[in-house]
Amino acid sequence: MKSTTFDRKLWNLSSFEKVSYNKCNQIFTVYFHNGSQIDFSEVTEETVFQFVISIDKENYLQSHLLVNFPYIQYTTRVSKLS
């Protein structure tokens, strides 16, 4: 699995900065700041590439990934003490 972390300021990201892709299983994962994550299945390398080069990644997530791919969302509570 390959992971990358985007510069939040450069890309104007407010809800996430890290993503990963499992090429063998075609699973694209977005890790959110609140500790939750979404695993999208059946995602091709081309779609991952389109996401990476998109100017507005948050919009691409909302308008393309969430609409066109099956996904599982995991929620985790992040401690405010850390």
N, C-alpha and C. Protein backbone atom coordinates (compact mmCIF):
# COMPACT_ATOMS: atom_id res chain seq x y z
N MET A 1 0.85 -1.17 0.00
CA MET A 1 0.00 0.00 0.00
C MET A 1 0.90 1.24 0.00
N LYS A 2 0.58 2.17 -0.87
CA LYS A 2 1.31 3.43 -0.96
C LYS A 2 0.49 4.53 -0.30
N SER A 3 1.16 5.37 0.48
CA SER A 3 0.49 6.49 1.16
C SER A 3 1.17 7.80 0.80
N THR A 4 0.39 8.86 0.89
CA THR A 4 0.96 10.19 0.69
C THR A 4 0.25 11.18 1.61
N THR A 5 0.98 12.19 2.00
CA THR A 5 0.42 13.26 2.83
C THR A 5 0.56 14.56 2.07
N PHE A 6 -0.56 15.25 1.90
CA PHE A 6 -0.58 16.52 1.18
C PHE A 6 -0.32 17.68 2.13
N ASP A 7 0.27 18.73 1.61
CA ASP A 7 0.47 19.97 2.36
C ASP A 7 -0.90 20.64 2.48
N ARG A 8 -1.42 20.75 3.70
CA ARG A 8 -2.77 21.29 3.92
C ARG A 8 -2.91 22.72 3.41
N LYS A 9 -1.90 23.54 3.63
CA LYS A 9 -1.97 24.94 3.20
C LYS A 9 -1.88 25.06 1.69
N LEU A 10 -0.95 24.34 1.09
CA LEU A 10 -0.76 24.40 -0.36
C LEU A 10 -2.01 23.97 -1.11
N TRP A 11 -2.66 22.90 -0.65
CA TRP A 11 -3.82 22.36 -1.33
C TRP A 11 -5.14 22.84 -0.73
N ASN A 12 -5.07 23.70 0.27
CA ASN A 12 -6.27 24.26 0.90
C ASN A 12 -7.21 23.14 1.40
N LEU A 13 -6.63 22.21 2.15
CA LEU A 13 -7.40 21.08 2.68
C LEU A 13 -7.82 21.36 4.11
N SER A 14 -9.08 21.10 4.41
CA SER A 14 -9.55 21.35 5.77
C SER A 14 -9.98 20.07 6.50
N SER A 15 -10.31 19.00 5.77
CA SER A 15 -10.82 17.81 6.46
C SER A 15 -9.86 16.62 6.45
N PHE A 16 -8.89 16.61 5.55
CA PHE A 16 -7.95 15.50 5.49
C PHE A 16 -6.64 15.99 4.89
N GLU A 17 -5.59 15.16 5.03
CA GLU A 17 -4.32 15.46 4.37
C GLU A 17 -3.61 14.18 3.93
N LYS A 18 -4.04 13.02 4.44
CA LYS A 18 -3.37 11.77 4.11
C LYS A 18 -4.32 10.83 3.36
N VAL A 19 -3.77 10.17 2.32
CA VAL A 19 -4.50 9.16 1.56
C VAL A 19 -3.57 7.98 1.31
N SER A 20 -4.15 6.83 1.00
CA SER A 20 -3.35 5.68 0.62
C SER A 20 -4.09 4.88 -0.44
N TYR A 21 -3.33 4.06 -1.18
CA TYR A 21 -3.92 3.25 -2.24
C TYR A 21 -3.31 1.86 -2.23
N ASN A 22 -4.17 0.86 -2.21
CA ASN A 22 -3.76 -0.53 -2.32
C ASN A 22 -4.06 -0.96 -3.75
N LYS A 23 -3.02 -1.01 -4.56
CA LYS A 23 -3.16 -1.30 -5.99
C LYS A 23 -3.73 -2.70 -6.24
N CYS A 24 -3.28 -3.69 -5.49
CA CYS A 24 -3.73 -5.07 -5.69
C CYS A 24 -5.23 -5.22 -5.45
N ASN A 25 -5.72 -4.59 -4.40
CA ASN A 25 -7.14 -4.70 -4.04
C ASN A 25 -7.98 -3.53 -4.53
N GLN A 26 -7.35 -2.55 -5.17
CA GLN A 26 -8.01 -1.34 -5.68
C GLN A 26 -8.82 -0.63 -4.58
N ILE A 27 -8.17 -0.43 -3.43
CA ILE A 27 -8.81 0.27 -2.32
C ILE A 27 -8.09 1.59 -2.09
N PHE A 28 -8.85 2.67 -2.15
CA PHE A 28 -8.33 4.02 -1.94
C PHE A 28 -8.88 4.50 -0.59
N THR A 29 -7.99 4.91 0.30
CA THR A 29 -8.38 5.30 1.65
C THR A 29 -8.06 6.75 1.91
N VAL A 30 -9.01 7.47 2.49
CA VAL A 30 -8.82 8.86 2.90
C VAL A 30 -8.89 8.89 4.42
N TYR A 31 -7.85 9.47 5.04
CA TYR A 31 -7.76 9.56 6.51
C TYR A 31 -8.10 10.99 6.93
N PHE A 32 -9.15 11.15 7.70
CA PHE A 32 -9.62 12.47 8.10
C PHE A 32 -8.99 12.93 9.41
N HIS A 33 -8.96 14.24 9.62
CA HIS A 33 -8.37 14.83 10.82
C HIS A 33 -9.09 14.40 12.10
N ASN A 34 -10.37 14.08 12.00
CA ASN A 34 -11.13 13.71 13.19
C ASN A 34 -10.93 12.24 13.58
N GLY A 35 -10.04 11.54 12.87
CA GLY A 35 -9.75 10.15 13.18
C GLY A 35 -10.53 9.15 12.36
N SER A 36 -11.53 9.60 11.62
CA SER A 36 -12.30 8.68 10.79
C SER A 36 -11.57 8.44 9.46
N GLN A 37 -12.02 7.43 8.75
CA GLN A 37 -11.45 7.15 7.43
C GLN A 37 -12.52 6.56 6.54
N ILE A 38 -12.33 6.73 5.24
CA ILE A 38 -13.23 6.13 4.26
C ILE A 38 -12.38 5.26 3.34
N ASP A 39 -12.81 4.00 3.18
CA ASP A 39 -12.18 3.07 2.24
C ASP A 39 -13.08 2.94 1.02
N PHE A 40 -12.60 3.40 -0.12
CA PHE A 40 -13.33 3.26 -1.38
C PHE A 40 -12.84 2.01 -2.08
N SER A 41 -13.74 1.20 -2.61
CA SER A 41 -13.33 0.00 -3.33
C SER A 41 -13.55 0.17 -4.82
N GLU A 42 -12.89 -0.70 -5.60
CA GLU A 42 -12.99 -0.71 -7.06
C GLU A 42 -12.46 0.57 -7.68
N VAL A 43 -11.45 1.17 -7.07
CA VAL A 43 -10.88 2.43 -7.56
C VAL A 43 -9.66 2.11 -8.43
N THR A 44 -9.67 2.56 -9.66
CA THR A 44 -8.57 2.31 -10.58
C THR A 44 -7.41 3.28 -10.33
N GLU A 45 -6.25 2.93 -10.84
CA GLU A 45 -5.10 3.82 -10.74
C GLU A 45 -5.37 5.15 -11.43
N GLU A 46 -6.10 5.11 -12.52
CA GLU A 46 -6.43 6.34 -13.24
C GLU A 46 -7.23 7.30 -12.35
N THR A 47 -8.18 6.77 -11.60
CA THR A 47 -8.97 7.60 -10.69
C THR A 47 -8.10 8.18 -9.59
N VAL A 48 -7.19 7.39 -9.05
CA VAL A 48 -6.27 7.89 -8.02
C VAL A 48 -5.42 9.01 -8.60
N PHE A 49 -4.93 8.82 -9.81
CA PHE A 49 -4.12 9.85 -10.47
C PHE A 49 -4.94 11.13 -10.65
N GLN A 50 -6.19 11.00 -11.09
CA GLN A 50 -7.06 12.17 -11.25
C GLN A 50 -7.24 12.90 -9.93
N PHE A 51 -7.39 12.15 -8.85
CA PHE A 51 -7.51 12.75 -7.53
C PHE A 51 -6.24 13.52 -7.17
N VAL A 52 -5.10 12.88 -7.36
CA VAL A 52 -3.82 13.49 -6.99
C VAL A 52 -3.57 14.79 -7.75
N ILE A 53 -3.92 14.84 -9.02
CA ILE A 53 -3.66 16.05 -9.81
C ILE A 53 -4.79 17.07 -9.74
N SER A 54 -5.91 16.71 -9.12
CA SER A 54 -7.02 17.66 -9.04
C SER A 54 -6.65 18.86 -8.16
N ILE A 55 -7.08 20.02 -8.59
CA ILE A 55 -6.80 21.26 -7.86
C ILE A 55 -7.59 21.30 -6.55
N ASP A 56 -8.85 20.89 -6.61
CA ASP A 56 -9.73 20.92 -5.44
C ASP A 56 -10.03 19.49 -4.99
N LYS A 57 -9.16 18.95 -4.18
CA LYS A 57 -9.27 17.56 -3.75
C LYS A 57 -10.51 17.30 -2.89
N GLU A 58 -10.87 18.26 -2.06
CA GLU A 58 -12.07 18.09 -1.22
C GLU A 58 -13.32 17.99 -2.09
N ASN A 59 -13.40 18.80 -3.13
CA ASN A 59 -14.53 18.76 -4.04
C ASN A 59 -14.53 17.45 -4.84
N TYR A 60 -13.36 17.00 -5.28
CA TYR A 60 -13.26 15.74 -6.01
C TYR A 60 -13.75 14.58 -5.14
N LEU A 61 -13.39 14.61 -3.89
CA LEU A 61 -13.85 13.59 -2.95
C LEU A 61 -15.37 13.59 -2.87
N GLN A 62 -15.97 14.77 -2.69
CA GLN A 62 -17.43 14.89 -2.55
C GLN A 62 -18.18 14.59 -3.85
N SER A 63 -17.70 15.15 -4.95
CA SER A 63 -18.47 15.08 -6.19
C SER A 63 -18.16 13.87 -7.06
N HIS A 64 -17.04 13.21 -6.83
CA HIS A 64 -16.70 12.08 -7.68
C HIS A 64 -16.57 10.76 -6.90
N LEU A 65 -15.72 10.74 -5.90
CA LEU A 65 -15.47 9.48 -5.18
C LEU A 65 -16.70 9.01 -4.41
N LEU A 66 -17.29 9.88 -3.60
CA LEU A 66 -18.45 9.48 -2.79
C LEU A 66 -19.65 9.10 -3.64
N VAL A 67 -19.75 9.67 -4.82
CA VAL A 67 -20.90 9.43 -5.69
C VAL A 67 -20.73 8.17 -6.54
N ASN A 68 -19.50 7.87 -6.95
CA ASN A 68 -19.28 6.82 -7.95
C ASN A 68 -18.67 5.51 -7.45
N PHE A 69 -18.25 5.46 -6.21
CA PHE A 69 -17.57 4.25 -5.74
C PHE A 69 -18.17 3.75 -4.43
N PRO A 70 -18.26 2.41 -4.29
CA PRO A 70 -18.72 1.87 -3.00
C PRO A 70 -17.68 2.17 -1.93
N TYR A 71 -18.15 2.43 -0.72
CA TYR A 71 -17.20 2.76 0.35
C TYR A 71 -17.72 2.32 1.71
N ILE A 72 -16.76 2.21 2.63
CA ILE A 72 -17.05 1.95 4.03
C ILE A 72 -16.42 3.08 4.82
N GLN A 73 -17.19 3.67 5.72
CA GLN A 73 -16.66 4.76 6.55
C GLN A 73 -16.48 4.25 7.98
N TYR A 74 -15.28 4.46 8.49
CA TYR A 74 -14.95 4.09 9.87
C TYR A 74 -14.84 5.36 10.69
N THR A 75 -15.47 5.36 11.86
CA THR A 75 -15.39 6.54 12.72
C THR A 75 -14.61 6.20 13.97
N THR A 76 -13.72 7.09 14.32
CA THR A 76 -12.91 6.92 15.52
C THR A 76 -12.92 8.21 16.28
N ARG A 77 -13.05 8.12 17.55
CA ARG A 77 -13.03 9.31 18.38
C ARG A 77 -11.58 9.65 18.72
N VAL A 78 -11.20 10.89 18.47
CA VAL A 78 -9.85 11.35 18.76
C VAL A 78 -9.85 12.05 20.11
N SER A 79 -8.96 11.65 20.98
CA SER A 79 -8.86 12.24 22.30
C SER A 79 -8.40 13.69 22.23
N LYS A 80 -9.03 14.56 23.00
CA LYS A 80 -8.63 15.96 23.04
C LYS A 80 -7.43 16.17 23.96
N LEU A 81 -7.02 15.13 24.67
CA LEU A 81 -5.89 15.23 25.59
C LEU A 81 -4.56 15.12 24.87
N SER A 82 -4.54 14.58 23.66
CA SER A 82 -3.28 14.39 22.95
C SER A 82 -2.82 15.61 22.20
